[in-house]
C-alpha cells in the first residue's frame, strides 16, 4: 500500500525525440552531429549503384544553409558543439558547420508519439499528455505482476520497477530511449527528468530536494522564464536554493504577491497539481515561418499554395481528433515582427478544408498586406465533437 498522502508522479520525456526518430530512418548518422530544422529542399539525395543496387545518401550540411529558420531539435553530439533548440540555423552553422541538416517530418513524429504513449498506457493508464514527446504519469496503484509476490512494500522501489518497465516498453514499441523521473509532484518530476539524460531513470524524494534541486539555476524550474530568471539573478537569487531562502516581502515587491508565493513554493518543491487525464483543446492550428519573407504581390502564387496547405492540414487534424469548429482565424507576422490576427465565426461548425479556407480567406482580406510576410498561420476554435 502507498502511505496516505504520498503521491508518486512520473514525468517521461523522450530523448532528443525528433532527431532520434530520424536516426531510425538514417542509422548511418548515429554518433554524428545532426540538426533538425531544414526545409524540404534539405531532404537527403539518394543514388543507387547501377551494378549492385546499393543506395548511397548524401546529406545537406549546416554550413550550406542560408535563411532565417531555427533549430527544432538536435542530437546530443550537436548539442555538445553549442547548438540547440530555437537557435537560428545561420548562427548554428558558425558553431557546427559540418553538422548534418535534416527537414522536420511531423507526421512521422506523431506516429512515434502515439506508439510510445500507447505503450505507457498499457502499464500505467493515467497519463497527462503534455505534447508530442512528454507525458506525466500517475503511478498511484500501479503494480507490476511480480509485485504481488515480491514480499516488499516500499512504494519508491515499486515505482522504480514500474519506471524500468515503462522505459523497456517504450524502447520495444519505438526503438527509442526516454528519460523518466518519479517524484512526489509534477513540478519536481519535470525538473528531475532532465537530471540524468539521456536514457535516465531518476527517483527524487522530498528529502532529496536540497541536494539535487537547490544547486540548479532558477531557470531550470518550469514556469521561470528568461526575464524572471534575469530579474531574480539581479536580486542575488541565481540558484533554486537561494530562491528557496529568499525574503517573501522582497519577492512580493518585485514580482507581486501571487507570483512571489508561487516562486517560493516552487523553490521548496511544493506543487499540488493533479495529473489531468482528460482535457478538451480550445483550438487547433497550423502555422509556418518562411525561410525568406514573402510578398503578397510578387509571391502571390506561393502564398496561396501554402495557405491552402495549412487549411488542409488543420482540417486533417480536426478529422483525426474528432472535432469541428465555428471560429476560423488567421495569423500573420510581418518582416518587422508585427503580428496581426483576424477571426470569423461561422453559423455551423466545420472540419471541411474548403470551408475553412473560404472563411480564412475572408479574414485575410481584412488585413493590409503592404509589408512582406514572415509567418502565416490558420486556426480553428470554438471546437465541438464532430
Protein backbone atom coordinates (compact mmCIF):
# COMPACT_ATOMS: atom_id res chain seq x y z
CA UNK A 1 0.00 0.00 0.00
CA UNK A 2 1.14 3.55 -0.69
CA UNK A 3 1.31 5.59 2.54
CA UNK A 4 -1.55 8.06 2.92
CA UNK A 5 -0.70 11.42 1.39
CA UNK A 6 2.25 10.14 -0.68
CA UNK A 7 1.91 10.82 -4.37
CA UNK A 8 4.08 9.11 -6.97
CA UNK A 9 4.09 11.07 -10.21
CA UNK A 10 6.40 10.36 -13.13
CA UNK A 11 7.47 12.65 -15.93
CA UNK A 12 8.53 10.85 -19.10
CA UNK A 13 10.47 12.83 -21.70
CA UNK A 14 11.65 11.29 -24.97
CA UNK A 15 15.37 11.84 -25.61
CA UNK A 16 16.05 14.28 -28.49
CA UNK A 17 12.80 12.96 -29.92
CA UNK A 18 12.70 14.28 -33.48
CA UNK A 19 16.39 13.64 -34.03
CA UNK A 20 16.14 10.14 -32.58
CA UNK A 21 13.25 9.29 -34.90
CA UNK A 22 15.34 10.46 -37.87
CA UNK A 23 18.27 8.27 -36.75
CA UNK A 24 15.99 5.23 -37.02
CA UNK A 25 15.49 6.16 -40.67
CA UNK A 26 19.13 7.11 -41.28
CA UNK A 27 21.17 4.84 -38.98
CA UNK A 28 24.41 5.86 -40.73
CA UNK A 29 24.11 9.23 -38.94
CA UNK A 30 24.43 7.73 -35.46
CA UNK A 31 27.22 9.35 -33.50
CA UNK A 32 27.30 12.40 -35.78
CA UNK A 33 26.04 15.92 -35.02
CA UNK A 34 22.59 16.20 -36.63
CA UNK A 35 20.25 19.20 -36.63
CA UNK A 36 16.53 19.08 -37.45
CA UNK A 37 15.02 22.25 -38.88
CA UNK A 38 15.68 22.48 -42.58
CA UNK A 39 13.08 22.78 -45.32
CA UNK A 40 12.04 20.23 -47.91
CA UNK A 41 15.00 21.24 -50.08
CA UNK A 42 17.27 19.70 -47.42
CA UNK A 43 15.87 16.21 -47.99
CA UNK A 44 18.76 13.72 -48.40
CA UNK A 45 19.59 12.83 -52.00
CA UNK A 46 19.69 9.11 -52.81
CA UNK A 47 21.69 7.48 -55.61
CA UNK A 48 21.68 3.80 -56.49
CA UNK A 49 24.72 1.91 -57.76
CA UNK A 50 23.72 0.51 -61.20
CA UNK A 51 25.73 -2.65 -60.63
CA UNK A 52 24.83 -3.55 -57.05
CA UNK A 53 21.69 -1.52 -56.43
CA UNK A 54 23.20 -0.26 -53.18
CA UNK A 55 21.76 3.11 -52.17
CA UNK A 56 24.03 5.95 -51.07
CA UNK A 57 22.62 9.01 -49.33
CA UNK A 58 24.05 12.50 -49.49
CA UNK A 59 23.06 14.80 -46.64
CA UNK A 60 22.87 18.58 -46.51
CA UNK A 61 25.42 20.30 -44.26
CA UNK A 62 24.62 23.12 -41.87
CA UNK A 63 27.42 25.18 -43.44
CA UNK A 64 25.45 25.38 -46.71
CA UNK A 65 22.28 26.75 -45.09
CA UNK A 66 21.01 30.25 -45.83
CA UNK A 67 17.79 31.67 -44.44
CA UNK A 68 16.18 32.52 -41.13
CA UNK A 69 14.98 29.13 -39.96
CA UNK A 70 15.54 27.87 -36.43
CA UNK A 71 16.57 24.52 -34.99
CA UNK A 72 13.70 22.27 -33.95
CA UNK A 73 16.00 19.87 -32.12
CA UNK A 74 19.48 18.40 -32.36
CA UNK A 75 21.30 15.21 -31.42
CA UNK A 76 23.40 15.21 -28.26
CA UNK A 77 26.55 15.23 -30.42
CA UNK A 78 25.35 18.51 -31.97
CA UNK A 79 24.42 19.95 -28.59
CA UNK A 80 27.96 19.30 -27.40
CA UNK A 81 29.07 21.78 -30.09
CA UNK A 82 26.88 24.50 -28.61
CA UNK A 83 23.79 24.29 -30.82
CA UNK A 84 20.27 23.58 -29.60
CA UNK A 85 16.54 24.07 -29.97
CA UNK A 86 15.26 27.50 -31.07
CA UNK A 87 18.74 28.67 -32.15
CA UNK A 88 18.89 30.27 -35.59
CA UNK A 89 20.30 27.92 -38.20
CA UNK A 90 22.69 30.57 -39.52
CA UNK A 91 24.16 31.03 -36.04
CA UNK A 92 24.33 27.25 -35.57
CA UNK A 93 26.21 26.94 -38.87
CA UNK A 94 29.03 29.06 -37.45
CA UNK A 95 29.30 26.76 -34.42
CA UNK A 96 28.87 23.42 -36.17
CA UNK A 97 29.33 23.84 -39.94
CA UNK A 98 29.79 20.12 -40.58
CA UNK A 99 26.60 19.10 -38.77
CA UNK A 100 24.04 17.30 -40.92
CA UNK A 101 20.83 19.26 -41.60
CA UNK A 102 17.54 17.38 -42.00
CA UNK A 103 13.99 18.64 -42.62
CA UNK A 104 11.34 18.05 -39.97
CA UNK A 105 8.79 15.30 -40.66
CA UNK A 106 5.98 15.94 -38.17
CA UNK A 107 3.67 13.22 -39.49
CA UNK A 108 6.37 10.66 -38.72
CA UNK A 109 6.98 12.15 -35.27
CA UNK A 110 3.27 12.00 -34.43
CA UNK A 111 3.22 8.32 -35.38
CA UNK A 112 6.05 7.56 -32.94
CA UNK A 113 4.39 9.76 -30.33
CA UNK A 114 1.24 7.64 -30.46
CA UNK A 115 3.33 4.47 -30.21
CA UNK A 116 5.18 5.44 -27.04
CA UNK A 117 2.03 6.76 -25.33
CA UNK A 118 0.09 3.59 -26.14
CA UNK A 119 2.96 1.54 -24.69
CA UNK A 120 2.84 3.57 -21.46
CA UNK A 121 -0.95 3.35 -21.15
CA UNK A 122 -0.78 -0.44 -21.32
CA UNK A 123 1.11 -0.37 -17.98
CA UNK A 124 0.00 2.90 -16.35
CA UNK A 125 -3.24 4.21 -17.91
CA UNK A 126 -3.47 7.53 -16.01
CA UNK A 127 -1.39 9.89 -18.14
CA UNK A 128 -1.47 13.61 -18.85
CA UNK A 129 -0.45 14.41 -22.43
CA UNK A 130 1.90 17.40 -22.47
CA UNK A 131 2.83 17.39 -26.13
CA UNK A 132 4.34 15.20 -28.78
CA UNK A 133 7.29 13.97 -26.69
CA UNK A 134 6.41 14.19 -22.99
CA UNK A 135 3.75 13.00 -20.54
CA UNK A 136 3.03 12.93 -16.81
CA UNK A 137 2.03 9.58 -15.33
CA UNK A 138 0.11 8.97 -12.09
CA UNK A 139 1.67 5.83 -10.60
CA UNK A 140 -0.81 5.53 -7.73
CA UNK A 141 -1.97 1.92 -7.58
CA UNK A 142 0.24 0.79 -10.47
CA UNK A 143 1.83 -2.56 -9.68
CA UNK A 144 3.61 -4.99 -11.94
CA UNK A 145 2.57 -8.68 -11.77
CA UNK A 146 5.77 -9.58 -9.90
CA UNK A 147 4.91 -7.05 -7.18
CA UNK A 148 2.08 -9.28 -5.96
CA UNK A 149 4.62 -11.84 -4.79
CA UNK A 150 7.77 -9.86 -4.20
CA UNK A 151 7.31 -9.51 -0.47
CA UNK A 152 8.39 -5.85 -0.18
CA UNK A 153 6.09 -2.90 0.24
CA UNK A 154 8.36 0.10 -0.31
CA UNK A 155 6.38 2.34 -2.72
CA UNK A 156 9.54 4.01 -4.05
CA UNK A 157 11.09 0.66 -5.00
CA UNK A 158 7.85 -0.34 -6.70
CA UNK A 159 7.84 2.99 -8.54
CA UNK A 160 11.41 2.36 -9.70
CA UNK A 161 10.39 -1.05 -11.07
CA UNK A 162 7.41 0.47 -12.88
CA UNK A 163 9.64 3.18 -14.36
CA UNK A 164 12.05 0.50 -15.62
CA UNK A 165 9.13 -1.38 -17.18
CA UNK A 166 7.87 1.81 -18.85
CA UNK A 167 11.30 2.54 -20.33
CA UNK A 168 11.53 -1.01 -21.66
CA UNK A 169 8.02 -0.83 -23.15
CA UNK A 170 8.77 2.47 -24.89
CA UNK A 171 12.00 1.09 -26.35
CA UNK A 172 10.25 -2.07 -27.59
CA UNK A 173 7.41 -0.06 -29.19
CA UNK A 174 9.58 2.61 -30.82
CA UNK A 175 13.25 1.64 -30.73
CA UNK A 176 13.86 4.91 -28.85
CA UNK A 177 15.08 5.84 -25.39
CA UNK A 178 13.35 8.08 -22.89
CA UNK A 179 14.16 9.60 -19.51
CA UNK A 180 11.80 9.14 -16.56
CA UNK A 181 11.75 10.74 -13.14
CA UNK A 182 9.46 9.78 -10.27
CA UNK A 183 8.78 12.41 -7.61
CA UNK A 184 6.06 13.47 -5.15
CA UNK A 185 4.64 16.03 -7.59
CA UNK A 186 4.64 17.22 -11.19
CA UNK A 187 6.99 20.16 -10.70
CA UNK A 188 9.77 18.03 -9.19
CA UNK A 189 9.24 15.20 -11.68
CA UNK A 190 9.61 17.64 -14.58
CA UNK A 191 12.88 19.06 -13.23
CA UNK A 192 14.26 15.65 -12.29
CA UNK A 193 13.64 14.09 -15.70
CA UNK A 194 16.40 16.34 -17.05
CA UNK A 195 18.96 15.39 -14.40
CA UNK A 196 20.18 12.09 -15.86
CA UNK A 197 19.50 12.46 -19.59
CA UNK A 198 19.73 10.67 -21.93
CA UNK A 199 18.11 7.32 -21.06
CA UNK A 200 17.82 8.38 -17.43
CA UNK A 201 15.84 6.96 -14.53
CA UNK A 202 15.66 9.29 -11.53
CA UNK A 203 13.92 8.81 -8.20
CA UNK A 204 13.52 12.08 -6.30
CA UNK A 205 12.08 12.07 -2.80
CA UNK A 206 11.26 15.25 -0.86
CA UNK A 207 14.40 14.70 1.22
CA UNK A 208 16.49 14.82 -1.97
CA UNK A 209 15.43 18.36 -2.92
CA UNK A 210 18.21 20.26 -1.09
CA UNK A 211 20.99 18.10 -2.58
CA UNK A 212 19.67 17.64 -6.13
CA UNK A 213 17.38 20.57 -6.89
CA UNK A 214 18.65 23.55 -4.88
CA UNK A 215 22.06 23.72 -6.63
CA UNK A 216 20.35 24.12 -10.04
CA UNK A 217 19.92 27.54 -11.70
CA UNK A 218 16.44 29.02 -11.21
CA UNK A 219 15.84 28.80 -14.96
CA UNK A 220 15.52 25.01 -14.59
CA UNK A 221 12.18 25.45 -12.82
CA UNK A 222 9.35 25.14 -15.33
CA UNK A 223 7.49 28.44 -15.07
CA UNK A 224 10.51 30.69 -14.52
CA UNK A 225 11.25 32.25 -17.89
CA UNK A 226 14.33 34.16 -19.08
CA UNK A 227 13.00 37.55 -17.97
CA UNK A 228 12.09 36.36 -14.46
CA UNK A 229 15.38 34.46 -14.16
CA UNK A 230 17.32 37.62 -15.08
CA UNK A 231 15.41 39.64 -12.53
CA UNK A 232 15.98 37.02 -9.84
CA UNK A 233 19.68 36.92 -10.68
CA UNK A 234 19.93 40.68 -10.30
CA UNK A 235 18.41 40.30 -6.83
CA UNK A 236 21.02 37.68 -5.91
CA UNK A 237 18.91 34.55 -6.42
CA UNK A 238 20.79 32.56 -9.04
CA UNK A 239 20.06 29.05 -7.77
CA UNK A 240 16.87 27.33 -6.69
CA UNK A 241 18.29 27.03 -3.17
CA UNK A 242 18.95 30.76 -2.92
CA UNK A 243 15.39 31.41 -4.07
CA UNK A 244 14.05 28.92 -1.51
CA UNK A 245 15.52 31.07 1.28
CA UNK A 246 14.50 34.44 -0.19
CA UNK A 247 12.67 37.07 1.83
CA UNK A 248 8.98 36.77 0.83
CA UNK A 249 8.47 40.52 1.24
CA UNK A 250 11.30 41.28 -1.19
CA UNK A 251 9.83 38.92 -3.80
CA UNK A 252 6.38 40.47 -3.42
CA UNK A 253 7.82 43.93 -4.10
CA UNK A 254 9.43 42.84 -7.37
CA UNK A 255 7.03 40.15 -8.62
CA UNK A 256 3.66 40.74 -6.99
CA UNK A 257 2.01 38.68 -4.28
CA UNK A 258 0.71 35.80 -6.42
CA UNK A 259 3.86 35.07 -8.43
CA UNK A 260 6.09 35.61 -5.36
CA UNK A 261 4.13 32.96 -3.46
CA UNK A 262 4.46 30.56 -6.39
CA UNK A 263 8.22 31.19 -6.69
CA UNK A 264 8.77 30.25 -3.05
CA UNK A 265 6.56 27.16 -3.30
CA UNK A 266 8.35 26.02 -6.46
CA UNK A 267 11.80 26.53 -4.95
CA UNK A 268 10.74 24.49 -1.90
CA UNK A 269 9.47 21.73 -4.21
CA UNK A 270 5.81 22.24 -3.36
CA UNK A 271 3.18 21.57 -6.03
CA UNK A 272 -0.35 20.20 -5.54
CA UNK A 273 -1.45 19.94 -9.19
CA UNK A 274 -3.09 16.68 -10.17
CA UNK A 275 -2.34 14.61 -13.25
CA UNK A 276 -5.10 15.67 -15.67
CA UNK A 277 -6.04 12.67 -17.77
CA UNK A 278 -8.71 14.34 -19.91
CA UNK A 279 -8.73 17.84 -21.34
CA UNK A 280 -10.50 19.43 -24.26
CA UNK A 281 -8.44 21.52 -26.71
CA UNK A 282 -9.58 25.11 -27.13
CA UNK A 283 -8.37 25.34 -30.73
CA UNK A 284 -6.36 23.53 -33.39
CA UNK A 285 -3.91 25.45 -35.54
CA UNK A 286 -1.11 25.18 -38.07
CA UNK A 287 1.46 27.84 -38.91
CA UNK A 288 4.74 28.12 -40.77
CA UNK A 289 7.64 30.58 -40.77
CA UNK A 290 9.07 31.19 -44.23
CA UNK A 291 12.76 30.85 -44.93
CA UNK A 292 12.54 34.23 -46.67
CA UNK A 293 9.92 36.95 -46.35
CA UNK A 294 7.21 36.64 -48.98
CA UNK A 295 5.44 39.46 -50.77
CA UNK A 296 1.65 39.34 -51.12
CA UNK A 297 2.12 40.83 -54.57
CA UNK A 298 5.16 39.12 -56.03
CA UNK A 299 4.81 35.75 -54.25
CA UNK A 300 1.04 35.53 -54.51
CA UNK A 301 1.00 32.03 -56.04
CA UNK A 302 3.42 30.61 -53.47
CA UNK A 303 1.48 32.17 -50.58
CA UNK A 304 -1.76 30.76 -51.96
CA UNK A 305 -0.26 27.26 -52.10
CA UNK A 306 0.99 27.48 -48.52
CA UNK A 307 -2.31 28.94 -47.33
CA UNK A 308 -4.27 26.07 -48.91
CA UNK A 309 -1.85 23.53 -47.46
CA UNK A 310 -2.26 24.97 -43.94
CA UNK A 311 -6.06 24.83 -44.22
CA UNK A 312 -5.89 21.22 -45.41
CA UNK A 313 -3.58 20.25 -42.55
CA UNK A 314 -5.84 21.88 -39.96
CA UNK A 315 -8.85 20.09 -41.48
CA UNK A 316 -6.97 16.77 -41.32
CA UNK A 317 -6.04 17.42 -37.67
CA UNK A 318 -9.68 18.16 -36.84
CA UNK A 319 -10.89 14.99 -38.54
CA UNK A 320 -8.24 12.85 -36.87
CA UNK A 321 -9.05 14.20 -33.41
CA UNK A 322 -12.83 14.16 -33.97
CA UNK A 323 -13.55 17.89 -33.75
CA UNK A 324 -15.22 20.61 -35.80
CA UNK A 325 -15.05 24.34 -35.11
CA UNK A 326 -17.04 27.53 -35.70
CA UNK A 327 -14.31 30.16 -35.30
CA UNK A 328 -11.81 30.38 -38.16
CA UNK A 329 -8.76 32.61 -37.73
CA UNK A 330 -5.58 33.65 -39.47
CA UNK A 331 -2.28 34.89 -38.07
CA UNK A 332 0.34 36.92 -39.93
CA UNK A 333 3.74 38.09 -38.77
CA UNK A 334 5.37 40.72 -40.97
CA UNK A 335 9.04 41.40 -41.62
CA UNK A 336 9.09 43.98 -38.80
CA UNK A 337 7.83 41.21 -36.42
CA UNK A 338 4.43 42.93 -36.03
CA UNK A 339 1.80 40.20 -35.63
CA UNK A 340 -1.84 40.51 -36.72
CA UNK A 341 -4.75 38.10 -36.19
CA UNK A 342 -8.28 38.11 -37.59
CA UNK A 343 -11.20 35.78 -36.78
CA UNK A 344 -14.56 34.93 -38.34
CA UNK A 345 -17.42 32.94 -36.81
CA UNK A 346 -19.44 30.53 -38.93
CA UNK A 347 -23.10 29.64 -38.45
CA UNK A 348 -22.22 25.95 -38.10
CA UNK A 349 -19.08 24.10 -37.02
CA UNK A 350 -16.96 22.61 -39.79
CA UNK A 351 -13.93 20.44 -40.40
CA UNK A 352 -14.07 20.84 -44.17
CA UNK A 353 -10.85 22.16 -45.72
CA UNK A 354 -12.62 24.20 -48.41
CA UNK A 355 -14.95 25.83 -45.89
CA UNK A 356 -12.02 26.62 -43.61
CA UNK A 357 -10.07 28.14 -46.50
CA UNK A 358 -13.04 30.23 -47.62
CA UNK A 359 -13.55 31.69 -44.13
CA UNK A 360 -9.80 32.16 -43.54
CA UNK A 361 -9.55 33.93 -46.90
CA UNK A 362 -12.21 36.39 -45.77
CA UNK A 363 -10.13 37.06 -42.66
CA UNK A 364 -7.05 37.71 -44.81
CA UNK A 365 -8.91 40.31 -46.84
CA UNK A 366 -9.34 42.34 -43.63
CA UNK A 367 -5.56 42.74 -43.25
CA UNK A 368 -3.43 45.27 -45.12
CA UNK A 369 -0.67 43.33 -46.84
CA UNK A 370 1.77 46.13 -47.54
CA UNK A 371 4.77 44.60 -45.81
CA UNK A 372 6.47 41.33 -46.61
CA UNK A 373 5.19 38.32 -44.67
CA UNK A 374 7.37 36.27 -42.33
CA UNK A 375 4.82 33.83 -40.84
CA UNK A 376 1.37 32.59 -41.82
CA UNK A 377 -0.99 30.56 -39.67
CA UNK A 378 -4.56 29.19 -39.70
CA UNK A 379 -6.58 28.38 -36.58
CA UNK A 380 -9.95 26.78 -35.88
CA UNK A 381 -11.53 27.46 -32.48
CA UNK A 382 -14.88 27.13 -30.68
CA UNK A 383 -14.46 23.38 -31.02
CA UNK A 384 -17.11 20.74 -30.56
CA UNK A 385 -17.10 17.00 -31.06
CA UNK A 386 -17.86 16.19 -34.68
